[in-house]
């Protein structure tokens, strides 16, 4: 019984160790535009989550190009200000004073 428990625990630890690798495979790696390359052969400067390091990009554009998209221009609409109607006086005959609704 202990062997089965040990095997299940080992399998769970192996599966847990693969999760960060899978998340890293989905990360967007952008090429970093530069005139010099101090990276080892086969690698180039890239940005991963804002950090510049050596690697192979998996995106066809740079991070600066992605962030430089033009923002949509919103039309400025003239705001109309409405005044609330004045309260009407209620002055019934035979009572002292008036009330406002």
PDB file of N, CA and C in Angstrom:
ATOM      1  N   UNK A   1       0.821  -1.181   0.000  1.00  0.00           N
ATOM      2  CA  UNK A   1       0.000   0.000   0.000  1.00  0.00           C
ATOM      3  C   UNK A   1       0.872   1.254   0.000  1.00  0.00           C
ATOM      4  N   UNK A   2       2.015   1.214   0.700  1.00  0.00           N
ATOM      5  CA  UNK A   2       2.898   2.368   0.741  1.00  0.00           C
ATOM      6  C   UNK A   2       3.511   2.639  -0.627  1.00  0.00           C
ATOM      7  N   UNK A   3       3.728   1.600  -1.386  1.00  0.00           N
ATOM      8  CA  UNK A   3       4.321   1.771  -2.718  1.00  0.00           C
ATOM      9  C   UNK A   3       3.335   2.523  -3.622  1.00  0.00           C
ATOM     10  N   UNK A   4       2.075   2.182  -3.543  1.00  0.00           N
ATOM     11  CA  UNK A   4       1.062   2.844  -4.364  1.00  0.00           C
ATOM     12  C   UNK A   4       0.968   4.322  -3.982  1.00  0.00           C
ATOM     13  N   UNK A   5       0.961   4.602  -2.684  1.00  0.00           N
ATOM     14  CA  UNK A   5       0.903   5.989  -2.218  1.00  0.00           C
ATOM     15  C   UNK A   5       2.136   6.754  -2.669  1.00  0.00           C
ATOM     16  N   UNK A   6       3.293   6.137  -2.598  1.00  0.00           N
ATOM     17  CA  UNK A   6       4.537   6.775  -3.030  1.00  0.00           C
ATOM     18  C   UNK A   6       4.497   7.048  -4.534  1.00  0.00           C
ATOM     19  N   UNK A   7       3.992   6.112  -5.307  1.00  0.00           N
ATOM     20  CA  UNK A   7       3.905   6.289  -6.762  1.00  0.00           C
ATOM     21  C   UNK A   7       2.939   7.429  -7.111  1.00  0.00           C
ATOM     22  N   UNK A   8       1.813   7.518  -6.412  1.00  0.00           N
ATOM     23  CA  UNK A   8       0.854   8.594  -6.676  1.00  0.00           C
ATOM     24  C   UNK A   8       1.472   9.939  -6.330  1.00  0.00           C
ATOM     25  N   UNK A   9       2.175  10.015  -5.220  1.00  0.00           N
ATOM     26  CA  UNK A   9       2.819  11.270  -4.820  1.00  0.00           C
ATOM     27  C   UNK A   9       3.896  11.666  -5.824  1.00  0.00           C
ATOM     28  N   UNK A  10       4.679  10.691  -6.293  1.00  0.00           N
ATOM     29  CA  UNK A  10       5.722  10.984  -7.284  1.00  0.00           C
ATOM     30  C   UNK A  10       5.096  11.460  -8.592  1.00  0.00           C
ATOM     31  N   UNK A  11       4.002  10.858  -9.001  1.00  0.00           N
ATOM     32  CA  UNK A  11       3.312  11.288 -10.227  1.00  0.00           C
ATOM     33  C   UNK A  11       2.747  12.692 -10.096  1.00  0.00           C
ATOM     34  N   UNK A  12       2.199  13.015  -8.927  1.00  0.00           N
ATOM     35  CA  UNK A  12       1.662  14.355  -8.705  1.00  0.00           C
ATOM     36  C   UNK A  12       2.777  15.393  -8.725  1.00  0.00           C
ATOM     37  N   UNK A  13       3.924  15.071  -8.144  1.00  0.00           N
ATOM     38  CA  UNK A  13       5.053  16.015  -8.151  1.00  0.00           C
ATOM     39  C   UNK A  13       5.591  16.211  -9.564  1.00  0.00           C
ATOM     40  N   UNK A  14       5.629  15.150 -10.350  1.00  0.00           N
ATOM     41  CA  UNK A  14       6.100  15.270 -11.736  1.00  0.00           C
ATOM     42  C   UNK A  14       5.138  16.128 -12.554  1.00  0.00           C
ATOM     43  N   UNK A  15       3.846  15.943 -12.349  1.00  0.00           N
ATOM     44  CA  UNK A  15       2.858  16.747 -13.077  1.00  0.00           C
ATOM     45  C   UNK A  15       2.933  18.202 -12.656  1.00  0.00           C
ATOM     46  N   UNK A  16       3.170  18.448 -11.379  1.00  0.00           N
ATOM     47  CA  UNK A  16       3.271  19.828 -10.888  1.00  0.00           C
ATOM     48  C   UNK A  16       4.526  20.510 -11.435  1.00  0.00           C
ATOM     49  N   UNK A  17       5.579  19.760 -11.656  1.00  0.00           N
ATOM     50  CA  UNK A  17       6.808  20.363 -12.185  1.00  0.00           C
ATOM     51  C   UNK A  17       6.672  20.699 -13.669  1.00  0.00           C
ATOM     52  N   UNK A  18       5.740  20.069 -14.378  1.00  0.00           N
ATOM     53  CA  UNK A  18       5.547  20.355 -15.794  1.00  0.00           C
ATOM     54  C   UNK A  18       4.675  21.582 -16.033  1.00  0.00           C
ATOM     55  N   UNK A  19       3.881  21.996 -15.060  1.00  0.00           N
ATOM     56  CA  UNK A  19       3.002  23.144 -15.240  1.00  0.00           C
ATOM     57  C   UNK A  19       3.761  24.431 -15.548  1.00  0.00           C
ATOM     58  N   UNK A  20       4.837  24.789 -14.826  1.00  0.00           N
ATOM     59  CA  UNK A  20       5.556  26.010 -15.181  1.00  0.00           C
ATOM     60  C   UNK A  20       6.166  25.952 -16.581  1.00  0.00           C
ATOM     61  N   UNK A  21       6.583  24.785 -17.023  1.00  0.00           N
ATOM     62  CA  UNK A  21       7.157  24.659 -18.358  1.00  0.00           C
ATOM     63  C   UNK A  21       6.087  24.903 -19.417  1.00  0.00           C
ATOM     64  N   UNK A  22       4.883  24.444 -19.168  1.00  0.00           N
ATOM     65  CA  UNK A  22       3.798  24.647 -20.124  1.00  0.00           C
ATOM     66  C   UNK A  22       3.413  26.121 -20.180  1.00  0.00           C
ATOM     67  N   UNK A  23       3.407  26.791 -19.040  1.00  0.00           N
ATOM     68  CA  UNK A  23       3.087  28.220 -19.015  1.00  0.00           C
ATOM     69  C   UNK A  23       4.167  29.016 -19.736  1.00  0.00           C
ATOM     70  N   UNK A  24       5.425  28.607 -19.621  1.00  0.00           N
ATOM     71  CA  UNK A  24       6.512  29.312 -20.296  1.00  0.00           C
ATOM     72  C   UNK A  24       6.428  29.109 -21.810  1.00  0.00           C
ATOM     73  N   UNK A  25       5.903  27.969 -22.253  1.00  0.00           N
ATOM     74  CA  UNK A  25       5.785  27.715 -23.686  1.00  0.00           C
ATOM     75  C   UNK A  25       4.742  28.638 -24.319  1.00  0.00           C
ATOM     76  N   UNK A  26       3.768  29.083 -23.540  1.00  0.00           N
ATOM     77  CA  UNK A  26       2.729  29.967 -24.057  1.00  0.00           C
ATOM     78  C   UNK A  26       3.118  31.444 -23.961  1.00  0.00           C
ATOM     79  N   UNK A  27       4.263  31.746 -23.352  1.00  0.00           N
ATOM     80  CA  UNK A  27       4.680  33.139 -23.183  1.00  0.00           C
ATOM     81  C   UNK A  27       5.014  33.752 -24.538  1.00  0.00           C
ATOM     82  N   UNK A  28       4.692  35.033 -24.692  1.00  0.00           N
ATOM     83  CA  UNK A  28       5.004  35.739 -25.935  1.00  0.00           C
ATOM     84  C   UNK A  28       6.423  36.281 -25.833  1.00  0.00           C
ATOM     85  N   UNK A  29       7.265  35.839 -26.741  1.00  0.00           N
ATOM     86  CA  UNK A  29       8.666  36.249 -26.762  1.00  0.00           C
ATOM     87  C   UNK A  29       8.865  37.108 -27.999  1.00  0.00           C
ATOM     88  N   UNK A  30       9.174  38.401 -27.783  1.00  0.00           N
ATOM     89  CA  UNK A  30       9.330  39.357 -28.861  1.00  0.00           C
ATOM     90  C   UNK A  30      10.806  39.602 -29.146  1.00  0.00           C
ATOM     91  N   UNK A  31      11.156  39.827 -30.419  1.00  0.00           N
ATOM     92  CA  UNK A  31      12.513  40.199 -30.783  1.00  0.00           C
ATOM     93  C   UNK A  31      12.789  41.604 -30.271  1.00  0.00           C
ATOM     94  N   UNK A  32      14.015  41.853 -29.787  1.00  0.00           N
ATOM     95  CA  UNK A  32      14.393  43.173 -29.297  1.00  0.00           C
ATOM     96  C   UNK A  32      15.245  43.840 -30.368  1.00  0.00           C
ATOM     97  N   UNK A  33      14.801  44.992 -30.901  1.00  0.00           N
ATOM     98  CA  UNK A  33      15.567  45.638 -31.974  1.00  0.00           C
ATOM     99  C   UNK A  33      16.851  46.268 -31.426  1.00  0.00           C
ATOM    100  N   UNK A  34      17.993  45.833 -31.930  1.00  0.00           N
ATOM    101  CA  UNK A  34      19.278  46.370 -31.509  1.00  0.00           C
ATOM    102  C   UNK A  34      20.282  46.197 -32.643  1.00  0.00           C
ATOM    103  N   UNK A  35      21.342  46.994 -32.615  1.00  0.00           N
ATOM    104  CA  UNK A  35      22.363  46.893 -33.668  1.00  0.00           C
ATOM    105  C   UNK A  35      23.489  45.935 -33.279  1.00  0.00           C
ATOM    106  N   UNK A  36      23.589  45.581 -32.005  1.00  0.00           N
ATOM    107  CA  UNK A  36      24.630  44.651 -31.558  1.00  0.00           C
ATOM    108  C   UNK A  36      23.982  43.407 -30.979  1.00  0.00           C
ATOM    109  N   UNK A  37      24.705  42.285 -31.055  1.00  0.00           N
ATOM    110  CA  UNK A  37      24.186  41.027 -30.552  1.00  0.00           C
ATOM    111  C   UNK A  37      25.273  40.367 -29.715  1.00  0.00           C
ATOM    112  N   UNK A  38      25.105  40.389 -28.401  1.00  0.00           N
ATOM    113  CA  UNK A  38      26.063  39.765 -27.484  1.00  0.00           C
ATOM    114  C   UNK A  38      25.604  38.378 -27.056  1.00  0.00           C
ATOM    115  N   UNK A  39      24.586  37.858 -27.684  1.00  0.00           N
ATOM    116  CA  UNK A  39      24.064  36.544 -27.334  1.00  0.00           C
ATOM    117  C   UNK A  39      24.882  35.447 -27.999  1.00  0.00           C
ATOM    118  N   UNK A  40      24.862  34.220 -27.460  1.00  0.00           N
ATOM    119  CA  UNK A  40      25.557  33.090 -28.089  1.00  0.00           C
ATOM    120  C   UNK A  40      25.001  32.814 -29.486  1.00  0.00           C
ATOM    121  N   UNK A  41      25.741  32.054 -30.256  1.00  0.00           N
ATOM    122  CA  UNK A  41      25.346  31.732 -31.631  1.00  0.00           C
ATOM    123  C   UNK A  41      23.977  31.055 -31.641  1.00  0.00           C
ATOM    124  N   UNK A  42      23.120  31.472 -32.562  1.00  0.00           N
ATOM    125  CA  UNK A  42      21.789  30.896 -32.695  1.00  0.00           C
ATOM    126  C   UNK A  42      20.730  31.610 -31.871  1.00  0.00           C
ATOM    127  N   UNK A  43      21.135  32.520 -31.007  1.00  0.00           N
ATOM    128  CA  UNK A  43      20.190  33.257 -30.182  1.00  0.00           C
ATOM    129  C   UNK A  43      20.268  34.742 -30.519  1.00  0.00           C
ATOM    130  N   UNK A  44      19.256  35.483 -30.157  1.00  0.00           N
ATOM    131  CA  UNK A  44      19.245  36.920 -30.392  1.00  0.00           C
ATOM    132  C   UNK A  44      18.590  37.598 -29.196  1.00  0.00           C
ATOM    133  N   UNK A  45      18.762  38.909 -29.043  1.00  0.00           N
ATOM    134  CA  UNK A  45      18.109  39.595 -27.919  1.00  0.00           C
ATOM    135  C   UNK A  45      16.588  39.556 -28.072  1.00  0.00           C
ATOM    136  N   UNK A  46      15.915  39.170 -26.993  1.00  0.00           N
ATOM    137  CA  UNK A  46      14.463  39.092 -26.984  1.00  0.00           C
ATOM    138  C   UNK A  46      13.954  39.708 -25.684  1.00  0.00           C
ATOM    139  N   UNK A  47      12.659  40.047 -25.669  1.00  0.00           N
ATOM    140  CA  UNK A  47      12.035  40.523 -24.433  1.00  0.00           C
ATOM    141  C   UNK A  47      10.961  39.541 -24.017  1.00  0.00           C
ATOM    142  N   UNK A  48      11.008  39.180 -22.743  1.00  0.00           N
ATOM    143  CA  UNK A  48      10.018  38.290 -22.151  1.00  0.00           C
ATOM    144  C   UNK A  48       9.485  39.002 -20.924  1.00  0.00           C
ATOM    145  N   UNK A  49       8.245  39.405 -20.953  1.00  0.00           N
ATOM    146  CA  UNK A  49       7.603  40.106 -19.835  1.00  0.00           C
ATOM    147  C   UNK A  49       8.396  41.340 -19.433  1.00  0.00           C
ATOM    148  N   UNK A  50       8.952  42.066 -20.407  1.00  0.00           N
ATOM    149  CA  UNK A  50       9.670  43.299 -20.139  1.00  0.00           C
ATOM    150  C   UNK A  50      11.132  43.130 -19.818  1.00  0.00           C
ATOM    151  N   UNK A  51      11.620  41.910 -19.756  1.00  0.00           N
ATOM    152  CA  UNK A  51      13.022  41.640 -19.440  1.00  0.00           C
ATOM    153  C   UNK A  51      13.751  41.287 -20.727  1.00  0.00           C
ATOM    154  N   UNK A  52      14.905  41.923 -20.948  1.00  0.00           N
ATOM    155  CA  UNK A  52      15.698  41.645 -22.152  1.00  0.00           C
ATOM    156  C   UNK A  52      16.674  40.514 -21.832  1.00  0.00           C
ATOM    157  N   UNK A  53      16.659  39.475 -22.670  1.00  0.00           N
ATOM    158  CA  UNK A  53      17.574  38.352 -22.490  1.00  0.00           C
ATOM    159  C   UNK A  53      17.823  37.716 -23.859  1.00  0.00           C
ATOM    160  N   UNK A  54      18.553  36.630 -23.896  1.00  0.00           N
ATOM    161  CA  UNK A  54      18.849  35.943 -25.147  1.00  0.00           C
ATOM    162  C   UNK A  54      17.859  34.802 -25.355  1.00  0.00           C
ATOM    163  N   UNK A  55      17.458  34.610 -26.596  1.00  0.00           N
ATOM    164  CA  UNK A  55      16.520  33.536 -26.887  1.00  0.00           C
ATOM    165  C   UNK A  55      16.101  33.554 -28.331  1.00  0.00           C
ATOM    166  N   UNK A  56      15.034  32.836 -28.632  1.00  0.00           N
ATOM    167  CA  UNK A  56      14.479  32.765 -29.978  1.00  0.00           C
ATOM    168  C   UNK A  56      13.053  33.312 -29.904  1.00  0.00           C
ATOM    169  N   UNK A  57      12.744  34.376 -30.650  1.00  0.00           N
ATOM    170  CA  UNK A  57      11.398  34.949 -30.565  1.00  0.00           C
ATOM    171  C   UNK A  57      10.346  34.032 -31.180  1.00  0.00           C
ATOM    172  N   UNK A  58       9.131  34.056 -30.605  1.00  0.00           N
ATOM    173  CA  UNK A  58       8.027  33.291 -31.189  1.00  0.00           C
ATOM    174  C   UNK A  58       6.941  34.224 -31.727  1.00  0.00           C
ATOM    175  N   UNK A  59       7.212  35.545 -31.781  1.00  0.00           N
ATOM    176  CA  UNK A  59       6.311  36.527 -32.359  1.00  0.00           C
ATOM    177  C   UNK A  59       7.018  37.189 -33.540  1.00  0.00           C
ATOM    178  N   UNK A  60       6.254  37.579 -34.552  1.00  0.00           N
ATOM    179  CA  UNK A  60       6.868  38.148 -35.751  1.00  0.00           C
ATOM    180  C   UNK A  60       7.118  39.654 -35.639  1.00  0.00           C
ATOM    181  N   UNK A  61       6.567  40.307 -34.626  1.00  0.00           N
ATOM    182  CA  UNK A  61       6.747  41.742 -34.444  1.00  0.00           C
ATOM    183  C   UNK A  61       7.468  42.004 -33.130  1.00  0.00           C
ATOM    184  N   UNK A  62       7.944  43.253 -32.961  1.00  0.00           N
ATOM    185  CA  UNK A  62       8.589  43.607 -31.703  1.00  0.00           C
ATOM    186  C   UNK A  62       7.538  44.074 -30.702  1.00  0.00           C
ATOM    187  N   UNK A  63       7.934  44.121 -29.445  1.00  0.00           N
ATOM    188  CA  UNK A  63       7.018  44.556 -28.397  1.00  0.00           C
ATOM    189  C   UNK A  63       6.648  46.019 -28.592  1.00  0.00           C
ATOM    190  N   UNK A  64       7.585  46.823 -29.062  1.00  0.00           N
ATOM    191  CA  UNK A  64       7.312  48.240 -29.303  1.00  0.00           C
ATOM    192  C   UNK A  64       6.254  48.406 -30.398  1.00  0.00           C
ATOM    193  N   UNK A  65       6.301  47.566 -31.430  1.00  0.00           N
ATOM    194  CA  UNK A  65       5.307  47.641 -32.500  1.00  0.00           C
ATOM    195  C   UNK A  65       3.920  47.230 -31.993  1.00  0.00           C
ATOM    196  N   UNK A  66       3.877  46.275 -31.106  1.00  0.00           N
ATOM    197  CA  UNK A  66       2.594  45.837 -30.558  1.00  0.00           C
ATOM    198  C   UNK A  66       1.979  46.951 -29.714  1.00  0.00           C
ATOM    199  N   UNK A  67       2.786  47.623 -28.918  1.00  0.00           N
ATOM    200  CA  UNK A  67       2.277  48.657 -28.029  1.00  0.00           C
ATOM    201  C   UNK A  67       2.052  49.991 -28.734  1.00  0.00           C
ATOM    202  N   UNK A  68       2.497  50.161 -29.976  1.00  0.00           N
ATOM    203  CA  UNK A  68       2.375  51.430 -30.685  1.00  0.00           C
ATOM    204  C   UNK A  68       1.106  51.537 -31.518  1.00  0.00           C
ATOM    205  N   UNK A  69       0.155  50.653 -31.327  1.00  0.00           N
ATOM    206  CA  UNK A  69      -1.068  50.718 -32.127  1.00  0.00           C
ATOM    207  C   UNK A  69      -1.804  52.021 -31.811  1.00  0.00           C
ATOM    208  N   UNK A  70      -2.450  52.600 -32.801  1.00  0.00           N
ATOM    209  CA  UNK A  70      -3.149  53.864 -32.544  1.00  0.00           C
ATOM    210  C   UNK A  70      -4.422  53.632 -31.727  1.00  0.00           C
ATOM    211  N   UNK A  71      -4.630  54.496 -30.778  1.00  0.00           N
ATOM    212  CA  UNK A  71      -5.843  54.412 -29.970  1.00  0.00           C
ATOM    213  C   UNK A  71      -7.007  54.993 -30.770  1.00  0.00           C
ATOM    214  N   UNK A  72      -8.179  54.416 -30.676  1.00  0.00           N
ATOM    215  CA  UNK A  72      -9.318  54.956 -31.423  1.00  0.00           C
ATOM    216  C   UNK A  72      -9.668  56.356 -30.918  1.00  0.00           C
ATOM    217  N   UNK A  73     -10.011  57.243 -31.848  1.00  0.00           N
ATOM    218  CA  UNK A  73     -10.367  58.609 -31.497  1.00  0.00           C
ATOM    219  C   UNK A  73     -11.852  58.644 -31.165  1.00  0.00           C
ATOM    220  N   UNK A  74     -12.153  59.159 -29.992  1.00  0.00           N
ATOM    221  CA  UNK A  74     -13.545  59.247 -29.576  1.00  0.00           C
ATOM    222  C   UNK A  74     -14.103  60.586 -30.001  1.00  0.00           C
ATOM    223  N   UNK A  75     -15.316  60.565 -30.530  1.00  0.00           N
ATOM    224  CA  UNK A  75     -15.975  61.812 -30.892  1.00  0.00           C
ATOM    225  C   UNK A  75     -16.370  62.540 -29.622  1.00  0.00           C
ATOM    226  N   UNK A  76     -16.130  63.842 -29.626  1.00  0.00           N
ATOM    227  CA  UNK A  76     -16.562  64.635 -28.494  1.00  0.00           C
ATOM    228  C   UNK A  76     -17.984  65.103 -28.750  1.00  0.00           C
ATOM    229  N   UNK A  77     -18.867  64.707 -27.904  1.00  0.00           N
ATOM    230  CA  UNK A  77     -20.269  65.052 -28.029  1.00  0.00           C
ATOM    231  C   UNK A  77     -20.562  66.173 -27.044  1.00  0.00           C
ATOM    232  N   UNK A  78     -21.223  67.206 -27.543  1.00  0.00           N
ATOM    233  CA  UNK A  78     -21.574  68.313 -26.672  1.00  0.00           C
ATOM    234  C   UNK A  78     -22.592  67.822 -25.662  1.00  0.00           C
ATOM    235  N   UNK A  79     -22.257  68.015 -24.389  1.00  0.00           N
ATOM    236  CA  UNK A  79     -23.161  67.568 -23.340  1.00  0.00           C
ATOM    237  C   UNK A  79     -24.280  68.578 -23.163  1.00  0.00           C
ATOM    238  N   UNK A  80     -25.479  68.097 -23.027  1.00  0.00           N
ATOM    239  CA  UNK A  80     -26.630  68.952 -22.815  1.00  0.00           C
ATOM    240  C   UNK A  80     -26.971  68.942 -21.329  1.00  0.00           C
ATOM    241  N   UNK A  81     -27.168  70.108 -20.801  1.00  0.00           N
ATOM    242  CA  UNK A  81     -27.522  70.240 -19.400  1.00  0.00           C
ATOM    243  C   UNK A  81     -29.009  70.571 -19.305  1.00  0.00           C
ATOM    244  N   UNK A  82     -29.719  69.773 -18.593  1.00  0.00           N
ATOM    245  CA  UNK A  82     -31.148  69.977 -18.422  1.00  0.00           C
ATOM    246  C   UNK A  82     -31.407  70.489 -17.009  1.00  0.00           C
ATOM    247  N   UNK A  83     -32.304  71.445 -16.918  1.00  0.00           N
ATOM    248  CA  UNK A  83     -32.677  71.979 -15.625  1.00  0.00           C
ATOM    249  C   UNK A  83     -33.919  71.228 -15.145  1.00  0.00           C
ATOM    250  N   UNK A  84     -33.910  70.873 -13.882  1.00  0.00           N
ATOM    251  CA  UNK A  84     -35.062  70.178 -13.308  1.00  0.00           C
ATOM    252  C   UNK A  84     -36.232  71.149 -13.231  1.00  0.00           C
ATOM    253  N   UNK A  85     -37.442  70.690 -13.457  1.00  0.00           N
ATOM    254  CA  UNK A  85     -38.594  71.596 -13.376  1.00  0.00           C
ATOM    255  C   UNK A  85     -38.758  72.129 -11.951  1.00  0.00           C
ATOM    256  N   UNK A  86     -39.216  73.362 -11.868  1.00  0.00           N
ATOM    257  CA  UNK A  86     -39.418  73.998 -10.566  1.00  0.00           C
ATOM    258  C   UNK A  86     -40.566  73.304  -9.842  1.00  0.00           C
ATOM    259  N   UNK A  87     -40.442  73.180  -8.524  1.00  0.00           N
ATOM    260  CA  UNK A  87     -41.533  72.537  -7.788  1.00  0.00           C
ATOM    261  C   UNK A  87     -42.799  73.407  -7.838  1.00  0.00           C
ATOM    262  N   UNK A  88     -43.954  72.753  -7.904  1.00  0.00           N
ATOM    263  CA  UNK A  88     -45.229  73.470  -7.987  1.00  0.00           C
ATOM    264  C   UNK A  88     -45.813  73.606  -6.579  1.00  0.00           C
ATOM    265  N   UNK A  89     -46.353  74.781  -6.332  1.00  0.00           N
ATOM    266  CA  UNK A  89     -46.956  75.047  -5.024  1.00  0.00           C
ATOM    267  C   UNK A  89     -48.351  74.440  -4.957  1.00  0.00           C
ATOM    268  N   UNK A  90     -48.646  73.858  -3.805  1.00  0.00           N
ATOM    269  CA  UNK A  90     -49.961  73.287  -3.555  1.00  0.00           C
ATOM    270  C   UNK A  90     -50.585  74.111  -2.426  1.00  0.00           C
ATOM    271  N   UNK A  91     -51.544  74.986  -2.774  1.00  0.00           N
ATOM    272  CA  UNK A  91     -52.169  75.888  -1.803  1.00  0.00           C
ATOM    273  C   UNK A  91     -53.676  75.654  -1.756  1.00  0.00           C
ATOM    274  N   UNK A  92     -54.132  74.640  -1.054  1.00  0.00           N
ATOM    275  CA  UNK A  92     -55.574  74.404  -0.994  1.00  0.00           C
ATOM    276  C   UNK A  92     -56.275  75.492  -0.168  1.00  0.00           C
ATOM    277  N   UNK A  93     -57.504  75.760  -0.542  1.00  0.00           N
ATOM    278  CA  UNK A  93     -58.273  76.800   0.125  1.00  0.00           C
ATOM    279  C   UNK A  93     -58.654  76.291   1.523  1.00  0.00           C
ATOM    280  N   UNK A  94     -58.497  77.173   2.488  1.00  0.00           N
ATOM    281  CA  UNK A  94     -58.890  76.842   3.859  1.00  0.00           C
ATOM    282  C   UNK A  94     -57.749  76.316   4.698  1.00  0.00           C
ATOM    283  N   UNK A  95     -56.506  76.190   4.158  1.00  0.00           N
ATOM    284  CA  UNK A  95     -55.374  75.741   4.960  1.00  0.00           C
ATOM    285  C   UNK A  95     -54.371  76.881   5.090  1.00  0.00           C
ATOM    286  N   UNK A  96     -53.564  76.805   6.123  1.00  0.00           N
ATOM    287  CA  UNK A  96     -52.588  77.858   6.366  1.00  0.00           C
ATOM    288  C   UNK A  96     -51.298  77.457   5.675  1.00  0.00           C
ATOM    289  N   UNK A  97     -50.777  78.301   4.799  1.00  0.00           N
ATOM    290  CA  UNK A  97     -49.520  78.063   4.112  1.00  0.00           C
ATOM    291  C   UNK A  97     -49.669  77.165   2.902  1.00  0.00           C
ATOM    292  N   UNK A  98     -48.563  77.020   2.190  1.00  0.00           N
ATOM    293  CA  UNK A  98     -48.521  76.188   0.980  1.00  0.00           C
ATOM    294  C   UNK A  98     -47.480  75.081   1.143  1.00  0.00           C
ATOM    295  N   UNK A  99     -47.661  74.010   0.446  1.00  0.00           N
ATOM    296  CA  UNK A  99     -46.664  72.932   0.393  1.00  0.00           C
ATOM    297  C   UNK A  99     -46.165  72.807  -1.037  1.00  0.00           C
ATOM    298  N   UNK A 100     -44.933  72.354  -1.178  1.00  0.00           N
ATOM    299  CA  UNK A 100     -44.355  72.177  -2.509  1.00  0.00           C
ATOM    300  C   UNK A 100     -44.189  70.704  -2.813  1.00  0.00           C
ATOM    301  N   UNK A 101     -44.550  70.339  -4.008  1.00  0.00           N
ATOM    302  CA  UNK A 101     -44.456  68.932  -4.422  1.00  0.00           C
ATOM    303  C   UNK A 101     -43.111  68.672  -5.052  1.00  0.00           C
TER     304      UNK A 101
END
